[in-house]
Amino acid sequence: MIIPGLMTAAETASDLSSFTGRRGGSDAERRAALWLSDRLRSQGRAATIETFWCRPNWALAHAWHAVLGLGASVLIVSQPRIGGVLALVTMASIALDAATGRSLGRRLTPERASQNVVALDPAQTPGPARVIVTANYDAGRAGLVDRAAPRVLAATLRRAGAGGRLSLGWLGWLTIALLWLVVIAIARNGTVIDIVQLVPSIWLLIAIVALVELGLSPPSPAASDNAAGVAVALTAIAALDARTDGSAAAVDLVLQGASDRDPVGLRRYLSRGGAARERPIVLGIAASGSGSPRWWRSDGPLWPLGYDRRLRELAADACQAADGHRGRGTTPALGARAVGLRAIAIGCLDDRGIVPRSHLRTDTPEQFDPSSIDATTRAAVAIITAIERTIAPRTSAVID
């Protein structure tokens, strides 16, 4: 989609990708935020940078959880009660992290300053319903778990679970290993169950190695995932602002910092100034650099959260894809869904349900498919237009 006088979405994504090493809380991320703010002002939107403090290295945080779990496994041999309690505490910490981004594991990782780039609808009034278009602009780390073989295996297992209905996210499997240890601690009464205990212990050891390696890995170029998603959001906003027929909803833009595979940026934005109390509708733009436009039916690394049913219907029409993706990761819209807001996520996937080159060193602008970026932009505009036509009028009537 080309907006007269503005860069194309592919050009915007390529320029954002030039901020190499823009992991959450880094200087490169701050420079990218300033560039995005200037970019928004050039297309007629006043932008503000909202700084927040966070502990963005979620991989090391969960590595600490896995270490606690392995410690529980060792204690269960001689002190089953203490080991079982430690496993339960670790499970609670993982659940707290998934819900709030705060946990025992997070406290053991470095704190960093990140920032959201926020551009409110310049024509908004207090009455109309609000729509938030959001994407994360930071770069995720490129670890061994993101290589082709593990990702294909994960996608295959997800499809094997009744098309994704019965599959768990990776944090769900970590929690099952801890629950397994709790059961062993309860059942351990002089019975030889060392072999049974060995299974979750091996899984926890593998998780520690994989998470530490990921947490110490350098960031990927993050061109498709998610500079392309940011470019889609910017271009869609420009297209909506260029309309002359007015709208039934105020459309705001929130570009999240430190939010790759962890929705901390959107959480912070929604918790400030009562933004969540206004009950906005949230459209998250995931990786869009190549593949076919798809919409997410559900998402979440611990327990899957289903996206809004009516928004799923609108997204299916806009993406021309009847079957929604049952994700088990973190899209830019997950933070809104986690606090009970109406939300939907769109992006591009290949035929296997995988984001091409996500979190790989090969995720560069040279690999863009401009038709994928353009199709996702058109889908985003179509969804927002449909929200204004079918959902926002009813929401406004309730407010009035």
Protein backbone atom coordinates (compact mmCIF):
# COMPACT_ATOMS: atom_id res chain seq x y z
CA MET A 1 0.00 0.00 0.00
CA ILE A 2 1.45 3.35 -1.10
CA ILE A 3 0.48 6.59 0.66
CA PRO A 4 1.39 9.65 -1.43
CA GLY A 5 4.39 11.52 -0.02
CA LEU A 6 5.39 8.75 2.39
CA MET A 7 7.85 5.88 2.35
CA THR A 8 6.53 2.46 1.46
CA ALA A 9 6.10 -0.05 4.26
CA ALA A 10 9.05 -2.10 2.99
CA GLU A 11 11.28 1.02 3.02
CA THR A 12 10.18 1.83 6.58
CA ALA A 13 10.90 -1.71 7.74
CA SER A 14 14.31 -1.66 6.06
CA ASP A 15 15.24 1.62 7.76
CA LEU A 16 14.14 0.35 11.18
CA SER A 17 16.22 -2.78 10.63
CA SER A 18 19.30 -0.58 10.27
CA PHE A 19 19.24 -0.06 14.05
CA THR A 20 21.22 -3.23 14.65
CA GLY A 21 21.28 -4.79 18.10
CA ARG A 22 18.06 -3.07 19.23
CA ARG A 23 17.26 -5.57 21.96
CA GLY A 24 15.04 -4.44 24.82
CA GLY A 25 16.62 -1.77 27.00
CA SER A 26 19.58 -1.11 24.69
CA ASP A 27 20.91 2.15 23.31
CA ALA A 28 20.03 0.99 19.80
CA GLU A 29 16.44 0.50 20.90
CA ARG A 30 16.34 4.05 22.28
CA ARG A 31 17.70 5.44 19.01
CA ALA A 32 15.09 3.43 17.11
CA ALA A 33 12.37 4.92 19.34
CA LEU A 34 13.55 8.45 18.54
CA TRP A 35 13.58 7.64 14.83
CA LEU A 36 10.06 6.22 15.00
CA SER A 37 8.87 9.31 16.85
CA ASP A 38 10.29 11.55 14.11
CA ARG A 39 8.80 9.26 11.48
CA LEU A 40 5.35 9.65 13.00
CA ARG A 41 5.65 13.42 13.20
CA SER A 42 6.57 13.50 9.51
CA GLN A 43 3.29 11.82 8.67
CA GLY A 44 1.25 14.22 10.82
CA ARG A 45 0.99 12.39 14.16
CA ALA A 46 2.28 13.88 17.40
CA ALA A 47 4.29 11.16 19.12
CA THR A 48 5.47 10.82 22.68
CA ILE A 49 8.09 8.49 24.15
CA GLU A 50 7.01 6.87 27.41
CA THR A 51 9.92 5.41 29.38
CA PHE A 52 9.46 2.48 31.74
CA TRP A 53 11.73 0.18 33.71
CA CYS A 54 11.64 -3.55 33.18
CA ARG A 55 13.68 -6.74 33.26
CA PRO A 56 13.48 -7.74 29.59
CA ASN A 57 15.64 -10.88 29.56
CA TRP A 58 12.77 -13.33 29.94
CA ALA A 59 14.96 -16.25 28.81
CA LEU A 60 17.36 -15.88 31.73
CA ALA A 61 14.41 -15.33 34.09
CA HIS A 62 12.93 -18.68 33.13
CA ALA A 63 16.38 -20.28 33.19
CA TRP A 64 16.40 -19.38 36.90
CA HIS A 65 12.97 -21.02 37.23
CA ALA A 66 14.34 -24.16 35.62
CA VAL A 67 17.31 -24.08 38.02
CA LEU A 68 14.90 -23.87 40.97
CA GLY A 69 12.99 -26.80 39.52
CA LEU A 70 16.14 -28.87 39.17
CA GLY A 71 17.05 -27.98 42.76
CA ALA A 72 13.60 -29.22 43.81
CA SER A 73 14.27 -32.50 42.00
CA VAL A 74 17.52 -32.99 43.94
CA LEU A 75 15.88 -32.15 47.28
CA ILE A 76 13.01 -34.56 46.71
CA VAL A 77 15.44 -37.48 47.03
CA SER A 78 16.21 -36.72 50.69
CA GLN A 79 13.64 -34.06 51.67
CA PRO A 80 10.49 -34.70 49.60
CA ARG A 81 8.38 -32.12 51.44
CA ILE A 82 10.90 -29.31 50.99
CA GLY A 83 11.50 -30.30 47.37
CA GLY A 84 7.77 -30.41 46.66
CA VAL A 85 7.22 -26.99 48.21
CA LEU A 86 10.09 -25.53 46.14
CA ALA A 87 8.55 -26.99 42.97
CA LEU A 88 5.17 -25.46 43.89
CA VAL A 89 6.76 -22.06 44.57
CA THR A 90 8.51 -22.21 41.20
CA MET A 91 5.22 -23.05 39.45
CA ALA A 92 3.56 -20.08 41.14
CA SER A 93 6.42 -17.81 40.08
CA ILE A 94 6.09 -18.92 36.44
CA ALA A 95 2.32 -18.27 36.53
CA LEU A 96 2.92 -14.84 38.07
CA ASP A 97 5.46 -14.04 35.36
CA ALA A 98 3.02 -15.01 32.62
CA ALA A 99 0.31 -12.83 34.15
CA THR A 100 2.31 -9.77 35.21
CA GLY A 101 5.88 -10.00 33.93
CA ARG A 102 7.14 -10.02 37.53
CA SER A 103 8.50 -13.10 39.29
CA LEU A 104 11.36 -14.55 41.32
CA GLY A 105 13.23 -15.31 38.12
CA ARG A 106 12.87 -11.73 36.87
CA ARG A 107 14.33 -10.35 40.09
CA LEU A 108 17.53 -12.25 39.32
CA THR A 109 18.00 -10.56 35.93
CA PRO A 110 19.26 -7.02 35.10
CA GLU A 111 16.82 -4.10 35.09
CA ARG A 112 16.78 -1.86 32.03
CA ALA A 113 15.00 1.29 30.83
CA SER A 114 12.89 0.85 27.71
CA GLN A 115 10.24 3.00 26.07
CA ASN A 116 6.97 2.88 24.18
CA VAL A 117 6.33 5.19 21.25
CA VAL A 118 2.74 6.43 21.51
CA ALA A 119 0.81 8.43 18.89
CA LEU A 120 -2.80 9.21 19.79
CA ASP A 121 -5.46 9.91 17.19
CA PRO A 122 -5.21 13.67 16.55
CA ALA A 123 -8.96 13.94 15.92
CA GLN A 124 -10.16 11.86 18.84
CA THR A 125 -12.89 13.08 21.19
CA PRO A 126 -13.88 11.67 24.60
CA GLY A 127 -16.97 9.92 23.23
CA PRO A 128 -15.97 7.46 20.51
CA ALA A 129 -14.62 3.99 21.11
CA ARG A 130 -10.85 3.50 20.91
CA VAL A 131 -8.83 1.15 18.78
CA ILE A 132 -5.13 0.60 19.55
CA VAL A 133 -2.86 -0.61 16.76
CA THR A 134 0.30 -2.05 18.24
CA ALA A 135 3.56 -3.81 17.31
CA ASN A 136 6.91 -4.30 19.03
CA TYR A 137 9.94 -2.59 17.49
CA ASP A 138 12.73 -4.24 19.52
CA ALA A 139 14.81 -7.14 18.20
CA GLY A 140 14.63 -10.59 19.72
CA ARG A 141 17.65 -12.75 20.47
CA ALA A 142 18.70 -15.41 17.95
CA GLY A 143 19.30 -18.65 19.85
CA LEU A 144 19.70 -22.31 18.94
CA VAL A 145 16.04 -22.97 19.80
CA ASP A 146 15.08 -20.70 16.91
CA ARG A 147 16.89 -22.78 14.31
CA ALA A 148 14.86 -24.57 11.67
CA ALA A 149 14.80 -28.07 13.21
CA PRO A 150 13.41 -27.10 16.67
CA ARG A 151 10.82 -24.78 15.12
CA VAL A 152 9.61 -27.40 12.62
CA LEU A 153 9.42 -29.97 15.44
CA ALA A 154 7.40 -27.57 17.60
CA ALA A 155 5.02 -26.80 14.73
CA THR A 156 4.56 -30.51 14.03
CA LEU A 157 3.78 -31.28 17.67
CA ARG A 158 1.36 -28.36 17.81
CA ARG A 159 -0.56 -29.63 14.79
CA ALA A 160 -0.56 -33.16 16.24
CA GLY A 161 -2.47 -31.91 19.28
CA ALA A 162 -5.87 -31.83 17.57
CA GLY A 163 -4.75 -29.10 15.21
CA GLY A 164 -3.31 -27.12 18.09
CA ARG A 165 -6.34 -27.33 20.38
CA LEU A 166 -4.60 -29.63 22.86
CA SER A 167 -1.05 -28.31 22.52
CA LEU A 168 0.74 -26.36 25.21
CA GLY A 169 3.20 -23.51 25.04
CA TRP A 170 6.80 -24.13 26.06
CA LEU A 171 6.16 -22.67 29.52
CA GLY A 172 3.28 -25.10 29.85
CA TRP A 173 5.67 -28.02 29.39
CA LEU A 174 8.04 -26.51 31.93
CA THR A 175 5.16 -26.29 34.39
CA ILE A 176 4.18 -29.91 33.73
CA ALA A 177 7.73 -30.99 34.61
CA LEU A 178 7.42 -29.13 37.92
CA LEU A 179 3.98 -30.60 38.57
CA TRP A 180 5.44 -34.03 37.90
CA LEU A 181 8.00 -33.38 40.64
CA VAL A 182 5.25 -32.31 43.06
CA VAL A 183 3.42 -35.59 42.44
CA ILE A 184 6.66 -37.52 42.99
CA ALA A 185 7.25 -35.63 46.25
CA ILE A 186 3.79 -36.58 47.48
CA ALA A 187 4.06 -40.22 46.37
CA ARG A 188 7.60 -40.76 47.61
CA ASN A 189 7.21 -42.98 50.61
CA GLY A 190 10.09 -45.39 50.47
CA THR A 191 9.15 -46.46 46.94
CA VAL A 192 11.85 -46.63 44.31
CA ILE A 193 10.78 -44.05 41.74
CA ASP A 194 14.17 -42.70 40.69
CA ILE A 195 13.60 -43.53 37.01
CA VAL A 196 10.26 -41.71 37.00
CA GLN A 197 11.90 -38.70 38.62
CA LEU A 198 14.67 -38.72 36.02
CA VAL A 199 12.34 -37.71 33.17
CA PRO A 200 11.37 -34.22 34.40
CA SER A 201 14.90 -33.67 35.69
CA ILE A 202 16.36 -34.24 32.21
CA TRP A 203 13.77 -31.90 30.69
CA LEU A 204 14.63 -29.19 33.23
CA LEU A 205 18.36 -29.61 32.51
CA ILE A 206 17.74 -29.24 28.77
CA ALA A 207 15.59 -26.16 29.45
CA ILE A 208 18.38 -24.57 31.52
CA VAL A 209 20.95 -25.04 28.76
CA ALA A 210 18.60 -23.80 26.02
CA LEU A 211 17.36 -20.76 27.96
CA VAL A 212 20.82 -19.66 29.12
CA GLU A 213 22.13 -19.94 25.55
CA LEU A 214 19.16 -17.91 24.29
CA GLY A 215 19.45 -15.32 27.04
CA LEU A 216 23.12 -14.71 26.19
CA SER A 217 22.69 -14.73 22.40
CA PRO A 218 22.95 -11.54 20.31
CA PRO A 219 19.78 -10.15 18.74
CA SER A 220 18.74 -10.99 15.20
CA PRO A 221 18.37 -8.26 12.55
CA ALA A 222 14.60 -8.59 13.19
CA ALA A 223 13.60 -7.25 9.79
CA SER A 224 10.52 -9.40 9.28
CA ASP A 225 9.95 -10.03 12.98
CA ASN A 226 9.11 -7.34 13.74
CA ALA A 227 10.32 -4.29 11.81
CA ALA A 228 7.87 -5.32 9.10
CA GLY A 229 5.03 -5.41 11.65
CA VAL A 230 5.92 -1.89 12.78
CA ALA A 231 5.96 -0.73 9.15
CA VAL A 232 2.52 -2.27 8.61
CA ALA A 233 1.20 -0.42 11.67
CA LEU A 234 2.67 2.92 10.55
CA THR A 235 1.36 2.58 7.00
CA ALA A 236 -2.09 1.48 8.15
CA ILE A 237 -2.30 4.48 10.49
CA ALA A 238 -1.26 6.81 7.66
CA ALA A 239 -3.94 5.34 5.40
CA LEU A 240 -6.59 5.80 8.07
CA ASP A 241 -5.47 9.38 8.78
CA ALA A 242 -5.70 10.19 5.07
CA ARG A 243 -9.44 9.46 4.98
CA THR A 244 -11.84 12.38 4.60
CA ASP A 245 -15.06 10.64 5.63
CA GLY A 246 -14.42 10.64 9.40
CA SER A 247 -14.48 7.59 11.66
CA ALA A 248 -16.55 6.05 14.42
CA ALA A 249 -13.50 5.30 16.58
CA ALA A 250 -10.29 6.98 17.67
CA VAL A 251 -7.35 4.95 16.36
CA ASP A 252 -4.19 5.18 18.47
CA LEU A 253 -0.76 3.69 17.83
CA VAL A 254 1.44 2.07 20.48
CA LEU A 255 4.85 0.76 19.41
CA GLN A 256 6.12 -1.44 22.21
CA GLY A 257 9.65 -1.50 23.54
CA ALA A 258 11.25 -4.58 25.12
CA SER A 259 8.33 -6.71 24.00
CA ASP A 260 9.74 -9.43 21.78
CA ARG A 261 8.11 -12.66 23.04
CA ASP A 262 7.13 -10.79 26.22
CA PRO A 263 4.32 -8.16 26.22
CA VAL A 264 5.86 -5.89 28.87
CA GLY A 265 5.55 -2.72 26.77
CA LEU A 266 1.80 -3.01 26.22
CA ARG A 267 1.30 -4.02 29.86
CA ARG A 268 3.03 -0.84 30.99
CA TYR A 269 1.04 1.34 28.60
CA LEU A 270 -2.31 -0.12 29.61
CA SER A 271 -1.51 0.25 33.31
CA ARG A 272 -0.70 3.96 32.98
CA GLY A 273 -3.36 6.65 33.16
CA GLY A 274 -6.23 4.19 33.23
CA ALA A 275 -5.81 3.23 29.57
CA ALA A 276 -7.21 -0.26 30.17
CA ARG A 277 -10.29 1.16 31.96
CA GLU A 278 -11.35 2.79 28.69
CA ARG A 279 -11.75 -0.74 27.27
CA PRO A 280 -9.97 -0.15 23.94
CA ILE A 281 -10.04 -2.73 21.16
CA VAL A 282 -6.49 -3.86 20.35
CA LEU A 283 -5.09 -4.96 16.99
CA GLY A 284 -1.60 -6.47 17.24
CA ILE A 285 0.63 -6.69 14.17
CA ALA A 286 3.06 -9.61 14.25
CA ALA A 287 5.87 -10.49 11.81
CA SER A 288 4.80 -9.59 8.28
CA GLY A 289 7.90 -9.70 6.07
CA SER A 290 7.03 -12.82 4.11
CA GLY A 291 4.41 -15.53 3.97
CA SER A 292 0.64 -15.30 3.76
CA PRO A 293 -1.55 -13.08 5.97
CA ARG A 294 -3.03 -15.02 8.88
CA TRP A 295 -4.95 -14.26 12.04
CA TRP A 296 -4.44 -15.73 15.48
CA ARG A 297 -7.21 -17.71 17.13
CA SER A 298 -5.30 -18.00 20.41
CA ASP A 299 -1.86 -17.48 21.86
CA GLY A 300 0.20 -17.74 25.04
CA PRO A 301 3.39 -19.58 26.11
CA LEU A 302 1.86 -20.95 29.33
CA TRP A 303 -1.88 -21.29 28.89
CA PRO A 304 -3.52 -20.42 25.54
CA LEU A 305 -5.81 -17.38 25.61
CA GLY A 306 -8.46 -17.15 22.89
CA TYR A 307 -8.86 -13.87 21.05
CA ASP A 308 -12.21 -12.10 20.71
CA ARG A 309 -14.72 -14.11 18.66
CA ARG A 310 -16.18 -11.19 16.71
CA LEU A 311 -12.72 -9.82 15.95
CA ARG A 312 -11.67 -13.26 14.74
CA GLU A 313 -14.55 -13.18 12.26
CA LEU A 314 -13.51 -9.76 10.98
CA ALA A 315 -9.88 -10.86 10.72
CA ALA A 316 -10.83 -14.02 8.81
CA ASP A 317 -12.59 -11.90 6.19
CA ALA A 318 -9.77 -9.34 6.00
CA CYS A 319 -6.98 -11.93 5.74
CA GLN A 320 -9.02 -14.18 3.45
CA ALA A 321 -8.09 -17.10 5.66
CA ALA A 322 -10.85 -19.15 7.24
CA ASP A 323 -8.59 -21.09 9.61
CA GLY A 324 -6.98 -19.11 12.43
CA HIS A 325 -3.53 -19.90 13.79
CA ARG A 326 -3.40 -21.43 17.26
CA GLY A 327 -0.20 -19.83 18.47
CA ARG A 328 1.67 -20.79 21.60
CA GLY A 329 3.99 -17.82 21.80
CA THR A 330 3.50 -14.09 22.27
CA THR A 331 1.97 -11.78 19.68
CA PRO A 332 1.89 -7.98 20.19
CA ALA A 333 -1.79 -8.24 21.18
CA LEU A 334 -1.36 -10.81 23.95
CA GLY A 335 -0.78 -8.21 26.68
CA ALA A 336 -4.23 -6.75 25.99
CA ARG A 337 -5.94 -10.12 25.94
CA ALA A 338 -4.27 -11.04 29.24
CA VAL A 339 -6.04 -8.13 30.99
CA GLY A 340 -9.41 -8.99 29.49
CA LEU A 341 -9.54 -6.54 26.57
CA ARG A 342 -11.01 -7.37 23.18
CA ALA A 343 -8.02 -8.10 20.97
CA ILE A 344 -6.86 -9.80 17.80
CA ALA A 345 -3.48 -10.41 16.17
CA ILE A 346 -2.54 -10.71 12.51
CA GLY A 347 0.74 -11.41 10.73
CA CYS A 348 2.29 -13.65 8.08
CA LEU A 349 3.08 -17.37 8.27
CA ASP A 350 4.30 -19.99 5.84
CA ASP A 351 2.41 -23.17 4.93
CA ARG A 352 3.66 -24.91 8.09
CA GLY A 353 2.38 -22.20 10.41
CA ILE A 354 5.89 -20.81 11.03
CA VAL A 355 7.08 -17.22 10.81
CA PRO A 356 9.79 -17.33 8.10
CA ARG A 357 13.30 -16.59 9.43
CA SER A 358 11.98 -15.38 12.78
CA HIS A 359 14.84 -14.81 15.27
CA LEU A 360 17.46 -15.94 12.77
CA ARG A 361 20.56 -14.07 11.56
CA THR A 362 19.06 -14.30 8.06
CA ASP A 363 16.05 -12.15 8.98
CA THR A 364 17.27 -9.22 6.88
CA PRO A 365 15.50 -6.69 4.62
CA GLU A 366 16.86 -8.47 1.55
CA GLN A 367 14.46 -11.33 2.32
CA PHE A 368 11.32 -9.15 2.35
CA ASP A 369 8.37 -10.05 0.19
CA PRO A 370 6.75 -6.63 -0.40
CA SER A 371 3.47 -8.30 -1.38
CA SER A 372 3.24 -9.89 2.10
CA ILE A 373 3.78 -6.54 3.82
CA ASP A 374 1.25 -4.88 1.53
CA ALA A 375 -1.35 -7.62 2.04
CA THR A 376 -1.00 -7.41 5.83
CA THR A 377 -1.35 -3.62 5.70
CA ARG A 378 -4.55 -3.91 3.68
CA ALA A 379 -5.85 -6.50 6.12
CA ALA A 380 -5.12 -4.21 9.08
CA VAL A 381 -6.96 -1.29 7.45
CA ALA A 382 -9.86 -3.57 6.57
CA ILE A 383 -10.14 -4.86 10.15
CA ILE A 384 -10.13 -1.36 11.65
CA THR A 385 -12.69 -0.18 9.10
CA ALA A 386 -14.89 -3.16 9.94
CA ILE A 387 -14.50 -2.44 13.67
CA GLU A 388 -15.66 1.15 13.07
CA ARG A 389 -18.60 -0.06 11.01
CA THR A 390 -19.84 -2.97 13.14
CA ILE A 391 -18.41 -2.76 16.67
CA ALA A 392 -17.56 0.85 17.48
CA PRO A 393 -21.10 2.24 16.97
CA ARG A 394 -22.48 -0.18 19.55
CA THR A 395 -19.60 0.59 21.92
CA SER A 396 -20.23 4.32 21.57
CA ALA A 397 -23.92 3.82 22.27
CA VAL A 398 -23.06 2.05 25.51
CA ILE A 399 -20.73 4.92 26.50
CA ASP A 400 -23.37 7.52 25.71
